[in-house]
PDBML (XML) file of the C-alpha atoms, coordinates in Angstrom:
<?xml version="1.0" encoding="UTF-8" ?>
<PDBx:datablock datablockName="MODEL"
   xmlns:PDBx="http://pdbml.pdb.org/schema/pdbx-v50.xsd"
   xmlns:xsi="http://www.w3.org/2001/XMLSchema-instance"
   xsi:schemaLocation="http://pdbml.pdb.org/schema/pdbx-v50.xsd pdbx-v50.xsd">
   <PDBx:atom_siteCategory>
      <PDBx:atom_site id="1">
         <PDBx:B_iso_or_equiv>0.00</PDBx:B_iso_or_equiv>
         <PDBx:Cartn_x>38.326</PDBx:Cartn_x>
         <PDBx:Cartn_y>-26.034</PDBx:Cartn_y>
         <PDBx:Cartn_z>-39.556</PDBx:Cartn_z>
         <PDBx:auth_asym_id>A</PDBx:auth_asym_id>
         <PDBx:auth_atom_id>CA</PDBx:auth_atom_id>
         <PDBx:auth_comp_id>ASN</PDBx:auth_comp_id>
         <PDBx:auth_seq_id>1</PDBx:auth_seq_id>
         <PDBx:group_PDB>ATOM</PDBx:group_PDB>
         <PDBx:label_alt_id xsi:nil="true" />
         <PDBx:label_asym_id>A</PDBx:label_asym_id>
         <PDBx:label_atom_id>CA</PDBx:label_atom_id>
         <PDBx:label_comp_id>ASN</PDBx:label_comp_id>
         <PDBx:label_entity_id>1</PDBx:label_entity_id>
         <PDBx:label_seq_id>1</PDBx:label_seq_id>
         <PDBx:occupancy>1.00</PDBx:occupancy>
         <PDBx:pdbx_PDB_model_num>1</PDBx:pdbx_PDB_model_num>
         <PDBx:type_symbol>C</PDBx:type_symbol>
      </PDBx:atom_site>
      <PDBx:atom_site id="2">
         <PDBx:B_iso_or_equiv>0.00</PDBx:B_iso_or_equiv>
         <PDBx:Cartn_x>41.103</PDBx:Cartn_x>
         <PDBx:Cartn_y>-23.893</PDBx:Cartn_y>
         <PDBx:Cartn_z>-41.012</PDBx:Cartn_z>
         <PDBx:auth_asym_id>A</PDBx:auth_asym_id>
         <PDBx:auth_atom_id>CA</PDBx:auth_atom_id>
         <PDBx:auth_comp_id>ILE</PDBx:auth_comp_id>
         <PDBx:auth_seq_id>2</PDBx:auth_seq_id>
         <PDBx:group_PDB>ATOM</PDBx:group_PDB>
         <PDBx:label_alt_id xsi:nil="true" />
         <PDBx:label_asym_id>A</PDBx:label_asym_id>
         <PDBx:label_atom_id>CA</PDBx:label_atom_id>
         <PDBx:label_comp_id>ILE</PDBx:label_comp_id>
         <PDBx:label_entity_id>1</PDBx:label_entity_id>
         <PDBx:label_seq_id>2</PDBx:label_seq_id>
         <PDBx:occupancy>1.00</PDBx:occupancy>
         <PDBx:pdbx_PDB_model_num>1</PDBx:pdbx_PDB_model_num>
         <PDBx:type_symbol>C</PDBx:type_symbol>
      </PDBx:atom_site>
      <PDBx:atom_site id="3">
         <PDBx:B_iso_or_equiv>0.00</PDBx:B_iso_or_equiv>
         <PDBx:Cartn_x>39.960</PDBx:Cartn_x>
         <PDBx:Cartn_y>-20.503</PDBx:Cartn_y>
         <PDBx:Cartn_z>-39.763</PDBx:Cartn_z>
         <PDBx:auth_asym_id>A</PDBx:auth_asym_id>
         <PDBx:auth_atom_id>CA</PDBx:auth_atom_id>
         <PDBx:auth_comp_id>PHE</PDBx:auth_comp_id>
         <PDBx:auth_seq_id>3</PDBx:auth_seq_id>
         <PDBx:group_PDB>ATOM</PDBx:group_PDB>
         <PDBx:label_alt_id xsi:nil="true" />
         <PDBx:label_asym_id>A</PDBx:label_asym_id>
         <PDBx:label_atom_id>CA</PDBx:label_atom_id>
         <PDBx:label_comp_id>PHE</PDBx:label_comp_id>
         <PDBx:label_entity_id>1</PDBx:label_entity_id>
         <PDBx:label_seq_id>3</PDBx:label_seq_id>
         <PDBx:occupancy>1.00</PDBx:occupancy>
         <PDBx:pdbx_PDB_model_num>1</PDBx:pdbx_PDB_model_num>
         <PDBx:type_symbol>C</PDBx:type_symbol>
      </PDBx:atom_site>
      <PDBx:atom_site id="4">
         <PDBx:B_iso_or_equiv>0.00</PDBx:B_iso_or_equiv>
         <PDBx:Cartn_x>42.189</PDBx:Cartn_x>
         <PDBx:Cartn_y>-20.553</PDBx:Cartn_y>
         <PDBx:Cartn_z>-36.688</PDBx:Cartn_z>
         <PDBx:auth_asym_id>A</PDBx:auth_asym_id>
         <PDBx:auth_atom_id>CA</PDBx:auth_atom_id>
         <PDBx:auth_comp_id>THR</PDBx:auth_comp_id>
         <PDBx:auth_seq_id>4</PDBx:auth_seq_id>
         <PDBx:group_PDB>ATOM</PDBx:group_PDB>
         <PDBx:label_alt_id xsi:nil="true" />
         <PDBx:label_asym_id>A</PDBx:label_asym_id>
         <PDBx:label_atom_id>CA</PDBx:label_atom_id>
         <PDBx:label_comp_id>THR</PDBx:label_comp_id>
         <PDBx:label_entity_id>1</PDBx:label_entity_id>
         <PDBx:label_seq_id>4</PDBx:label_seq_id>
         <PDBx:occupancy>1.00</PDBx:occupancy>
         <PDBx:pdbx_PDB_model_num>1</PDBx:pdbx_PDB_model_num>
         <PDBx:type_symbol>C</PDBx:type_symbol>
      </PDBx:atom_site>
      <PDBx:atom_site id="5">
         <PDBx:B_iso_or_equiv>0.00</PDBx:B_iso_or_equiv>
         <PDBx:Cartn_x>45.179</PDBx:Cartn_x>
         <PDBx:Cartn_y>-21.911</PDBx:Cartn_y>
         <PDBx:Cartn_z>-38.616</PDBx:Cartn_z>
         <PDBx:auth_asym_id>A</PDBx:auth_asym_id>
         <PDBx:auth_atom_id>CA</PDBx:auth_atom_id>
         <PDBx:auth_comp_id>ILE</PDBx:auth_comp_id>
         <PDBx:auth_seq_id>5</PDBx:auth_seq_id>
         <PDBx:group_PDB>ATOM</PDBx:group_PDB>
         <PDBx:label_alt_id xsi:nil="true" />
         <PDBx:label_asym_id>A</PDBx:label_asym_id>
         <PDBx:label_atom_id>CA</PDBx:label_atom_id>
         <PDBx:label_comp_id>ILE</PDBx:label_comp_id>
         <PDBx:label_entity_id>1</PDBx:label_entity_id>
         <PDBx:label_seq_id>5</PDBx:label_seq_id>
         <PDBx:occupancy>1.00</PDBx:occupancy>
         <PDBx:pdbx_PDB_model_num>1</PDBx:pdbx_PDB_model_num>
         <PDBx:type_symbol>C</PDBx:type_symbol>
      </PDBx:atom_site>
      <PDBx:atom_site id="6">
         <PDBx:B_iso_or_equiv>0.00</PDBx:B_iso_or_equiv>
         <PDBx:Cartn_x>45.506</PDBx:Cartn_x>
         <PDBx:Cartn_y>-19.577</PDBx:Cartn_y>
         <PDBx:Cartn_z>-41.597</PDBx:Cartn_z>
         <PDBx:auth_asym_id>A</PDBx:auth_asym_id>
         <PDBx:auth_atom_id>CA</PDBx:auth_atom_id>
         <PDBx:auth_comp_id>TYR</PDBx:auth_comp_id>
         <PDBx:auth_seq_id>6</PDBx:auth_seq_id>
         <PDBx:group_PDB>ATOM</PDBx:group_PDB>
         <PDBx:label_alt_id xsi:nil="true" />
         <PDBx:label_asym_id>A</PDBx:label_asym_id>
         <PDBx:label_atom_id>CA</PDBx:label_atom_id>
         <PDBx:label_comp_id>TYR</PDBx:label_comp_id>
         <PDBx:label_entity_id>1</PDBx:label_entity_id>
         <PDBx:label_seq_id>6</PDBx:label_seq_id>
         <PDBx:occupancy>1.00</PDBx:occupancy>
         <PDBx:pdbx_PDB_model_num>1</PDBx:pdbx_PDB_model_num>
         <PDBx:type_symbol>C</PDBx:type_symbol>
      </PDBx:atom_site>
      <PDBx:atom_site id="7">
         <PDBx:B_iso_or_equiv>0.00</PDBx:B_iso_or_equiv>
         <PDBx:Cartn_x>44.860</PDBx:Cartn_x>
         <PDBx:Cartn_y>-15.945</PDBx:Cartn_y>
         <PDBx:Cartn_z>-42.396</PDBx:Cartn_z>
         <PDBx:auth_asym_id>A</PDBx:auth_asym_id>
         <PDBx:auth_atom_id>CA</PDBx:auth_atom_id>
         <PDBx:auth_comp_id>THR</PDBx:auth_comp_id>
         <PDBx:auth_seq_id>7</PDBx:auth_seq_id>
         <PDBx:group_PDB>ATOM</PDBx:group_PDB>
         <PDBx:label_alt_id xsi:nil="true" />
         <PDBx:label_asym_id>A</PDBx:label_asym_id>
         <PDBx:label_atom_id>CA</PDBx:label_atom_id>
         <PDBx:label_comp_id>THR</PDBx:label_comp_id>
         <PDBx:label_entity_id>1</PDBx:label_entity_id>
         <PDBx:label_seq_id>7</PDBx:label_seq_id>
         <PDBx:occupancy>1.00</PDBx:occupancy>
         <PDBx:pdbx_PDB_model_num>1</PDBx:pdbx_PDB_model_num>
         <PDBx:type_symbol>C</PDBx:type_symbol>
      </PDBx:atom_site>
      <PDBx:atom_site id="8">
         <PDBx:B_iso_or_equiv>0.00</PDBx:B_iso_or_equiv>
         <PDBx:Cartn_x>41.568</PDBx:Cartn_x>
         <PDBx:Cartn_y>-16.029</PDBx:Cartn_y>
         <PDBx:Cartn_z>-44.248</PDBx:Cartn_z>
         <PDBx:auth_asym_id>A</PDBx:auth_asym_id>
         <PDBx:auth_atom_id>CA</PDBx:auth_atom_id>
         <PDBx:auth_comp_id>MET</PDBx:auth_comp_id>
         <PDBx:auth_seq_id>8</PDBx:auth_seq_id>
         <PDBx:group_PDB>ATOM</PDBx:group_PDB>
         <PDBx:label_alt_id xsi:nil="true" />
         <PDBx:label_asym_id>A</PDBx:label_asym_id>
         <PDBx:label_atom_id>CA</PDBx:label_atom_id>
         <PDBx:label_comp_id>MET</PDBx:label_comp_id>
         <PDBx:label_entity_id>1</PDBx:label_entity_id>
         <PDBx:label_seq_id>8</PDBx:label_seq_id>
         <PDBx:occupancy>1.00</PDBx:occupancy>
         <PDBx:pdbx_PDB_model_num>1</PDBx:pdbx_PDB_model_num>
         <PDBx:type_symbol>C</PDBx:type_symbol>
      </PDBx:atom_site>
      <PDBx:atom_site id="9">
         <PDBx:B_iso_or_equiv>0.00</PDBx:B_iso_or_equiv>
         <PDBx:Cartn_x>39.968</PDBx:Cartn_x>
         <PDBx:Cartn_y>-13.530</PDBx:Cartn_y>
         <PDBx:Cartn_z>-46.533</PDBx:Cartn_z>
         <PDBx:auth_asym_id>A</PDBx:auth_asym_id>
         <PDBx:auth_atom_id>CA</PDBx:auth_atom_id>
         <PDBx:auth_comp_id>GLY</PDBx:auth_comp_id>
         <PDBx:auth_seq_id>9</PDBx:auth_seq_id>
         <PDBx:group_PDB>ATOM</PDBx:group_PDB>
         <PDBx:label_alt_id xsi:nil="true" />
         <PDBx:label_asym_id>A</PDBx:label_asym_id>
         <PDBx:label_atom_id>CA</PDBx:label_atom_id>
         <PDBx:label_comp_id>GLY</PDBx:label_comp_id>
         <PDBx:label_entity_id>1</PDBx:label_entity_id>
         <PDBx:label_seq_id>9</PDBx:label_seq_id>
         <PDBx:occupancy>1.00</PDBx:occupancy>
         <PDBx:pdbx_PDB_model_num>1</PDBx:pdbx_PDB_model_num>
         <PDBx:type_symbol>C</PDBx:type_symbol>
      </PDBx:atom_site>
      <PDBx:atom_site id="10">
         <PDBx:B_iso_or_equiv>0.00</PDBx:B_iso_or_equiv>
         <PDBx:Cartn_x>36.858</PDBx:Cartn_x>
         <PDBx:Cartn_y>-12.379</PDBx:Cartn_y>
         <PDBx:Cartn_z>-48.292</PDBx:Cartn_z>
         <PDBx:auth_asym_id>A</PDBx:auth_asym_id>
         <PDBx:auth_atom_id>CA</PDBx:auth_atom_id>
         <PDBx:auth_comp_id>TRP</PDBx:auth_comp_id>
         <PDBx:auth_seq_id>10</PDBx:auth_seq_id>
         <PDBx:group_PDB>ATOM</PDBx:group_PDB>
         <PDBx:label_alt_id xsi:nil="true" />
         <PDBx:label_asym_id>A</PDBx:label_asym_id>
         <PDBx:label_atom_id>CA</PDBx:label_atom_id>
         <PDBx:label_comp_id>TRP</PDBx:label_comp_id>
         <PDBx:label_entity_id>1</PDBx:label_entity_id>
         <PDBx:label_seq_id>10</PDBx:label_seq_id>
         <PDBx:occupancy>1.00</PDBx:occupancy>
         <PDBx:pdbx_PDB_model_num>1</PDBx:pdbx_PDB_model_num>
         <PDBx:type_symbol>C</PDBx:type_symbol>
      </PDBx:atom_site>
      <PDBx:atom_site id="11">
         <PDBx:B_iso_or_equiv>0.00</PDBx:B_iso_or_equiv>
         <PDBx:Cartn_x>37.263</PDBx:Cartn_x>
         <PDBx:Cartn_y>-11.556</PDBx:Cartn_y>
         <PDBx:Cartn_z>-51.953</PDBx:Cartn_z>
         <PDBx:auth_asym_id>A</PDBx:auth_asym_id>
         <PDBx:auth_atom_id>CA</PDBx:auth_atom_id>
         <PDBx:auth_comp_id>TYR</PDBx:auth_comp_id>
         <PDBx:auth_seq_id>11</PDBx:auth_seq_id>
         <PDBx:group_PDB>ATOM</PDBx:group_PDB>
         <PDBx:label_alt_id xsi:nil="true" />
         <PDBx:label_asym_id>A</PDBx:label_asym_id>
         <PDBx:label_atom_id>CA</PDBx:label_atom_id>
         <PDBx:label_comp_id>TYR</PDBx:label_comp_id>
         <PDBx:label_entity_id>1</PDBx:label_entity_id>
         <PDBx:label_seq_id>11</PDBx:label_seq_id>
         <PDBx:occupancy>1.00</PDBx:occupancy>
         <PDBx:pdbx_PDB_model_num>1</PDBx:pdbx_PDB_model_num>
         <PDBx:type_symbol>C</PDBx:type_symbol>
      </PDBx:atom_site>
      <PDBx:atom_site id="12">
         <PDBx:B_iso_or_equiv>0.00</PDBx:B_iso_or_equiv>
         <PDBx:Cartn_x>34.959</PDBx:Cartn_x>
         <PDBx:Cartn_y>-10.067</PDBx:Cartn_y>
         <PDBx:Cartn_z>-54.549</PDBx:Cartn_z>
         <PDBx:auth_asym_id>A</PDBx:auth_asym_id>
         <PDBx:auth_atom_id>CA</PDBx:auth_atom_id>
         <PDBx:auth_comp_id>ARG</PDBx:auth_comp_id>
         <PDBx:auth_seq_id>12</PDBx:auth_seq_id>
         <PDBx:group_PDB>ATOM</PDBx:group_PDB>
         <PDBx:label_alt_id xsi:nil="true" />
         <PDBx:label_asym_id>A</PDBx:label_asym_id>
         <PDBx:label_atom_id>CA</PDBx:label_atom_id>
         <PDBx:label_comp_id>ARG</PDBx:label_comp_id>
         <PDBx:label_entity_id>1</PDBx:label_entity_id>
         <PDBx:label_seq_id>12</PDBx:label_seq_id>
         <PDBx:occupancy>1.00</PDBx:occupancy>
         <PDBx:pdbx_PDB_model_num>1</PDBx:pdbx_PDB_model_num>
         <PDBx:type_symbol>C</PDBx:type_symbol>
      </PDBx:atom_site>
      <PDBx:atom_site id="13">
         <PDBx:B_iso_or_equiv>0.00</PDBx:B_iso_or_equiv>
         <PDBx:Cartn_x>34.859</PDBx:Cartn_x>
         <PDBx:Cartn_y>-9.893</PDBx:Cartn_y>
         <PDBx:Cartn_z>-58.318</PDBx:Cartn_z>
         <PDBx:auth_asym_id>A</PDBx:auth_asym_id>
         <PDBx:auth_atom_id>CA</PDBx:auth_atom_id>
         <PDBx:auth_comp_id>GLN</PDBx:auth_comp_id>
         <PDBx:auth_seq_id>13</PDBx:auth_seq_id>
         <PDBx:group_PDB>ATOM</PDBx:group_PDB>
         <PDBx:label_alt_id xsi:nil="true" />
         <PDBx:label_asym_id>A</PDBx:label_asym_id>
         <PDBx:label_atom_id>CA</PDBx:label_atom_id>
         <PDBx:label_comp_id>GLN</PDBx:label_comp_id>
         <PDBx:label_entity_id>1</PDBx:label_entity_id>
         <PDBx:label_seq_id>13</PDBx:label_seq_id>
         <PDBx:occupancy>1.00</PDBx:occupancy>
         <PDBx:pdbx_PDB_model_num>1</PDBx:pdbx_PDB_model_num>
         <PDBx:type_symbol>C</PDBx:type_symbol>
      </PDBx:atom_site>
      <PDBx:atom_site id="14">
         <PDBx:B_iso_or_equiv>0.00</PDBx:B_iso_or_equiv>
         <PDBx:Cartn_x>32.767</PDBx:Cartn_x>
         <PDBx:Cartn_y>-7.322</PDBx:Cartn_y>
         <PDBx:Cartn_z>-60.098</PDBx:Cartn_z>
         <PDBx:auth_asym_id>A</PDBx:auth_asym_id>
         <PDBx:auth_atom_id>CA</PDBx:auth_atom_id>
         <PDBx:auth_comp_id>ALA</PDBx:auth_comp_id>
         <PDBx:auth_seq_id>14</PDBx:auth_seq_id>
         <PDBx:group_PDB>ATOM</PDBx:group_PDB>
         <PDBx:label_alt_id xsi:nil="true" />
         <PDBx:label_asym_id>A</PDBx:label_asym_id>
         <PDBx:label_atom_id>CA</PDBx:label_atom_id>
         <PDBx:label_comp_id>ALA</PDBx:label_comp_id>
         <PDBx:label_entity_id>1</PDBx:label_entity_id>
         <PDBx:label_seq_id>14</PDBx:label_seq_id>
         <PDBx:occupancy>1.00</PDBx:occupancy>
         <PDBx:pdbx_PDB_model_num>1</PDBx:pdbx_PDB_model_num>
         <PDBx:type_symbol>C</PDBx:type_symbol>
      </PDBx:atom_site>
      <PDBx:atom_site id="15">
         <PDBx:B_iso_or_equiv>0.00</PDBx:B_iso_or_equiv>
         <PDBx:Cartn_x>31.822</PDBx:Cartn_x>
         <PDBx:Cartn_y>-7.765</PDBx:Cartn_y>
         <PDBx:Cartn_z>-63.764</PDBx:Cartn_z>
         <PDBx:auth_asym_id>A</PDBx:auth_asym_id>
         <PDBx:auth_atom_id>CA</PDBx:auth_atom_id>
         <PDBx:auth_comp_id>PRO</PDBx:auth_comp_id>
         <PDBx:auth_seq_id>15</PDBx:auth_seq_id>
         <PDBx:group_PDB>ATOM</PDBx:group_PDB>
         <PDBx:label_alt_id xsi:nil="true" />
         <PDBx:label_asym_id>A</PDBx:label_asym_id>
         <PDBx:label_atom_id>CA</PDBx:label_atom_id>
         <PDBx:label_comp_id>PRO</PDBx:label_comp_id>
         <PDBx:label_entity_id>1</PDBx:label_entity_id>
         <PDBx:label_seq_id>15</PDBx:label_seq_id>
         <PDBx:occupancy>1.00</PDBx:occupancy>
         <PDBx:pdbx_PDB_model_num>1</PDBx:pdbx_PDB_model_num>
         <PDBx:type_symbol>C</PDBx:type_symbol>
      </PDBx:atom_site>
      <PDBx:atom_site id="16">
         <PDBx:B_iso_or_equiv>0.00</PDBx:B_iso_or_equiv>
         <PDBx:Cartn_x>34.794</PDBx:Cartn_x>
         <PDBx:Cartn_y>-7.000</PDBx:Cartn_y>
         <PDBx:Cartn_z>-66.002</PDBx:Cartn_z>
         <PDBx:auth_asym_id>A</PDBx:auth_asym_id>
         <PDBx:auth_atom_id>CA</PDBx:auth_atom_id>
         <PDBx:auth_comp_id>GLY</PDBx:auth_comp_id>
         <PDBx:auth_seq_id>16</PDBx:auth_seq_id>
         <PDBx:group_PDB>ATOM</PDBx:group_PDB>
         <PDBx:label_alt_id xsi:nil="true" />
         <PDBx:label_asym_id>A</PDBx:label_asym_id>
         <PDBx:label_atom_id>CA</PDBx:label_atom_id>
         <PDBx:label_comp_id>GLY</PDBx:label_comp_id>
         <PDBx:label_entity_id>1</PDBx:label_entity_id>
         <PDBx:label_seq_id>16</PDBx:label_seq_id>
         <PDBx:occupancy>1.00</PDBx:occupancy>
         <PDBx:pdbx_PDB_model_num>1</PDBx:pdbx_PDB_model_num>
         <PDBx:type_symbol>C</PDBx:type_symbol>
      </PDBx:atom_site>
      <PDBx:atom_site id="17">
         <PDBx:B_iso_or_equiv>0.00</PDBx:B_iso_or_equiv>
         <PDBx:Cartn_x>37.154</PDBx:Cartn_x>
         <PDBx:Cartn_y>-6.581</PDBx:Cartn_y>
         <PDBx:Cartn_z>-63.055</PDBx:Cartn_z>
         <PDBx:auth_asym_id>A</PDBx:auth_asym_id>
         <PDBx:auth_atom_id>CA</PDBx:auth_atom_id>
         <PDBx:auth_comp_id>LYS</PDBx:auth_comp_id>
         <PDBx:auth_seq_id>17</PDBx:auth_seq_id>
         <PDBx:group_PDB>ATOM</PDBx:group_PDB>
         <PDBx:label_alt_id xsi:nil="true" />
         <PDBx:label_asym_id>A</PDBx:label_asym_id>
         <PDBx:label_atom_id>CA</PDBx:label_atom_id>
         <PDBx:label_comp_id>LYS</PDBx:label_comp_id>
         <PDBx:label_entity_id>1</PDBx:label_entity_id>
         <PDBx:label_seq_id>17</PDBx:label_seq_id>
         <PDBx:occupancy>1.00</PDBx:occupancy>
         <PDBx:pdbx_PDB_model_num>1</PDBx:pdbx_PDB_model_num>
         <PDBx:type_symbol>C</PDBx:type_symbol>
      </PDBx:atom_site>
      <PDBx:atom_site id="18">
         <PDBx:B_iso_or_equiv>0.00</PDBx:B_iso_or_equiv>
         <PDBx:Cartn_x>39.770</PDBx:Cartn_x>
         <PDBx:Cartn_y>-8.719</PDBx:Cartn_y>
         <PDBx:Cartn_z>-61.360</PDBx:Cartn_z>
         <PDBx:auth_asym_id>A</PDBx:auth_asym_id>
         <PDBx:auth_atom_id>CA</PDBx:auth_atom_id>
         <PDBx:auth_comp_id>GLN</PDBx:auth_comp_id>
         <PDBx:auth_seq_id>18</PDBx:auth_seq_id>
         <PDBx:group_PDB>ATOM</PDBx:group_PDB>
         <PDBx:label_alt_id xsi:nil="true" />
         <PDBx:label_asym_id>A</PDBx:label_asym_id>
         <PDBx:label_atom_id>CA</PDBx:label_atom_id>
         <PDBx:label_comp_id>GLN</PDBx:label_comp_id>
         <PDBx:label_entity_id>1</PDBx:label_entity_id>
         <PDBx:label_seq_id>18</PDBx:label_seq_id>
         <PDBx:occupancy>1.00</PDBx:occupancy>
         <PDBx:pdbx_PDB_model_num>1</PDBx:pdbx_PDB_model_num>
         <PDBx:type_symbol>C</PDBx:type_symbol>
      </PDBx:atom_site>
      <PDBx:atom_site id="19">
         <PDBx:B_iso_or_equiv>0.00</PDBx:B_iso_or_equiv>
         <PDBx:Cartn_x>39.033</PDBx:Cartn_x>
         <PDBx:Cartn_y>-10.513</PDBx:Cartn_y>
         <PDBx:Cartn_z>-58.124</PDBx:Cartn_z>
         <PDBx:auth_asym_id>A</PDBx:auth_asym_id>
         <PDBx:auth_atom_id>CA</PDBx:auth_atom_id>
         <PDBx:auth_comp_id>ARG</PDBx:auth_comp_id>
         <PDBx:auth_seq_id>19</PDBx:auth_seq_id>
         <PDBx:group_PDB>ATOM</PDBx:group_PDB>
         <PDBx:label_alt_id xsi:nil="true" />
         <PDBx:label_asym_id>A</PDBx:label_asym_id>
         <PDBx:label_atom_id>CA</PDBx:label_atom_id>
         <PDBx:label_comp_id>ARG</PDBx:label_comp_id>
         <PDBx:label_entity_id>1</PDBx:label_entity_id>
         <PDBx:label_seq_id>19</PDBx:label_seq_id>
         <PDBx:occupancy>1.00</PDBx:occupancy>
         <PDBx:pdbx_PDB_model_num>1</PDBx:pdbx_PDB_model_num>
         <PDBx:type_symbol>C</PDBx:type_symbol>
      </PDBx:atom_site>
      <PDBx:atom_site id="20">
         <PDBx:B_iso_or_equiv>0.00</PDBx:B_iso_or_equiv>
         <PDBx:Cartn_x>40.152</PDBx:Cartn_x>
         <PDBx:Cartn_y>-8.410</PDBx:Cartn_y>
         <PDBx:Cartn_z>-55.172</PDBx:Cartn_z>
         <PDBx:auth_asym_id>A</PDBx:auth_asym_id>
         <PDBx:auth_atom_id>CA</PDBx:auth_atom_id>
         <PDBx:auth_comp_id>GLU</PDBx:auth_comp_id>
         <PDBx:auth_seq_id>20</PDBx:auth_seq_id>
         <PDBx:group_PDB>ATOM</PDBx:group_PDB>
         <PDBx:label_alt_id xsi:nil="true" />
         <PDBx:label_asym_id>A</PDBx:label_asym_id>
         <PDBx:label_atom_id>CA</PDBx:label_atom_id>
         <PDBx:label_comp_id>GLU</PDBx:label_comp_id>
         <PDBx:label_entity_id>1</PDBx:label_entity_id>
         <PDBx:label_seq_id>20</PDBx:label_seq_id>
         <PDBx:occupancy>1.00</PDBx:occupancy>
         <PDBx:pdbx_PDB_model_num>1</PDBx:pdbx_PDB_model_num>
         <PDBx:type_symbol>C</PDBx:type_symbol>
      </PDBx:atom_site>
      <PDBx:atom_site id="21">
         <PDBx:B_iso_or_equiv>0.00</PDBx:B_iso_or_equiv>
         <PDBx:Cartn_x>40.841</PDBx:Cartn_x>
         <PDBx:Cartn_y>-9.165</PDBx:Cartn_y>
         <PDBx:Cartn_z>-51.530</PDBx:Cartn_z>
         <PDBx:auth_asym_id>A</PDBx:auth_asym_id>
         <PDBx:auth_atom_id>CA</PDBx:auth_atom_id>
         <PDBx:auth_comp_id>LEU</PDBx:auth_comp_id>
         <PDBx:auth_seq_id>21</PDBx:auth_seq_id>
         <PDBx:group_PDB>ATOM</PDBx:group_PDB>
         <PDBx:label_alt_id xsi:nil="true" />
         <PDBx:label_asym_id>A</PDBx:label_asym_id>
         <PDBx:label_atom_id>CA</PDBx:label_atom_id>
         <PDBx:label_comp_id>LEU</PDBx:label_comp_id>
         <PDBx:label_entity_id>1</PDBx:label_entity_id>
         <PDBx:label_seq_id>21</PDBx:label_seq_id>
         <PDBx:occupancy>1.00</PDBx:occupancy>
         <PDBx:pdbx_PDB_model_num>1</PDBx:pdbx_PDB_model_num>
         <PDBx:type_symbol>C</PDBx:type_symbol>
      </PDBx:atom_site>
      <PDBx:atom_site id="22">
         <PDBx:B_iso_or_equiv>0.00</PDBx:B_iso_or_equiv>
         <PDBx:Cartn_x>38.684</PDBx:Cartn_x>
         <PDBx:Cartn_y>-6.913</PDBx:Cartn_y>
         <PDBx:Cartn_z>-49.372</PDBx:Cartn_z>
         <PDBx:auth_asym_id>A</PDBx:auth_asym_id>
         <PDBx:auth_atom_id>CA</PDBx:auth_atom_id>
         <PDBx:auth_comp_id>ILE</PDBx:auth_comp_id>
         <PDBx:auth_seq_id>22</PDBx:auth_seq_id>
         <PDBx:group_PDB>ATOM</PDBx:group_PDB>
         <PDBx:label_alt_id xsi:nil="true" />
         <PDBx:label_asym_id>A</PDBx:label_asym_id>
         <PDBx:label_atom_id>CA</PDBx:label_atom_id>
         <PDBx:label_comp_id>ILE</PDBx:label_comp_id>
         <PDBx:label_entity_id>1</PDBx:label_entity_id>
         <PDBx:label_seq_id>22</PDBx:label_seq_id>
         <PDBx:occupancy>1.00</PDBx:occupancy>
         <PDBx:pdbx_PDB_model_num>1</PDBx:pdbx_PDB_model_num>
         <PDBx:type_symbol>C</PDBx:type_symbol>
      </PDBx:atom_site>
      <PDBx:atom_site id="23">
         <PDBx:B_iso_or_equiv>0.00</PDBx:B_iso_or_equiv>
         <PDBx:Cartn_x>38.897</PDBx:Cartn_x>
         <PDBx:Cartn_y>-8.243</PDBx:Cartn_y>
         <PDBx:Cartn_z>-45.814</PDBx:Cartn_z>
         <PDBx:auth_asym_id>A</PDBx:auth_asym_id>
         <PDBx:auth_atom_id>CA</PDBx:auth_atom_id>
         <PDBx:auth_comp_id>ALA</PDBx:auth_comp_id>
         <PDBx:auth_seq_id>23</PDBx:auth_seq_id>
         <PDBx:group_PDB>ATOM</PDBx:group_PDB>
         <PDBx:label_alt_id xsi:nil="true" />
         <PDBx:label_asym_id>A</PDBx:label_asym_id>
         <PDBx:label_atom_id>CA</PDBx:label_atom_id>
         <PDBx:label_comp_id>ALA</PDBx:label_comp_id>
         <PDBx:label_entity_id>1</PDBx:label_entity_id>
         <PDBx:label_seq_id>23</PDBx:label_seq_id>
         <PDBx:occupancy>1.00</PDBx:occupancy>
         <PDBx:pdbx_PDB_model_num>1</PDBx:pdbx_PDB_model_num>
         <PDBx:type_symbol>C</PDBx:type_symbol>
      </PDBx:atom_site>
      <PDBx:atom_site id="24">
         <PDBx:B_iso_or_equiv>0.00</PDBx:B_iso_or_equiv>
         <PDBx:Cartn_x>41.207</PDBx:Cartn_x>
         <PDBx:Cartn_y>-10.523</PDBx:Cartn_y>
         <PDBx:Cartn_z>-43.855</PDBx:Cartn_z>
         <PDBx:auth_asym_id>A</PDBx:auth_asym_id>
         <PDBx:auth_atom_id>CA</PDBx:auth_atom_id>
         <PDBx:auth_comp_id>THR</PDBx:auth_comp_id>
         <PDBx:auth_seq_id>24</PDBx:auth_seq_id>
         <PDBx:group_PDB>ATOM</PDBx:group_PDB>
         <PDBx:label_alt_id xsi:nil="true" />
         <PDBx:label_asym_id>A</PDBx:label_asym_id>
         <PDBx:label_atom_id>CA</PDBx:label_atom_id>
         <PDBx:label_comp_id>THR</PDBx:label_comp_id>
         <PDBx:label_entity_id>1</PDBx:label_entity_id>
         <PDBx:label_seq_id>24</PDBx:label_seq_id>
         <PDBx:occupancy>1.00</PDBx:occupancy>
         <PDBx:pdbx_PDB_model_num>1</PDBx:pdbx_PDB_model_num>
         <PDBx:type_symbol>C</PDBx:type_symbol>
      </PDBx:atom_site>
      <PDBx:atom_site id="25">
         <PDBx:B_iso_or_equiv>0.00</PDBx:B_iso_or_equiv>
         <PDBx:Cartn_x>41.295</PDBx:Cartn_x>
         <PDBx:Cartn_y>-12.159</PDBx:Cartn_y>
         <PDBx:Cartn_z>-40.438</PDBx:Cartn_z>
         <PDBx:auth_asym_id>A</PDBx:auth_asym_id>
         <PDBx:auth_atom_id>CA</PDBx:auth_atom_id>
         <PDBx:auth_comp_id>ILE</PDBx:auth_comp_id>
         <PDBx:auth_seq_id>25</PDBx:auth_seq_id>
         <PDBx:group_PDB>ATOM</PDBx:group_PDB>
         <PDBx:label_alt_id xsi:nil="true" />
         <PDBx:label_asym_id>A</PDBx:label_asym_id>
         <PDBx:label_atom_id>CA</PDBx:label_atom_id>
         <PDBx:label_comp_id>ILE</PDBx:label_comp_id>
         <PDBx:label_entity_id>1</PDBx:label_entity_id>
         <PDBx:label_seq_id>25</PDBx:label_seq_id>
         <PDBx:occupancy>1.00</PDBx:occupancy>
         <PDBx:pdbx_PDB_model_num>1</PDBx:pdbx_PDB_model_num>
         <PDBx:type_symbol>C</PDBx:type_symbol>
      </PDBx:atom_site>
   </PDBx:atom_siteCategory>
</PDBx:datablock>
């Protein structure tokens, strides 16, 4: 259970592109 300790994020990686951070909490 780290969700209330650290800022967490959702990332995505499209084909041929770099992974990007799209949402944080």
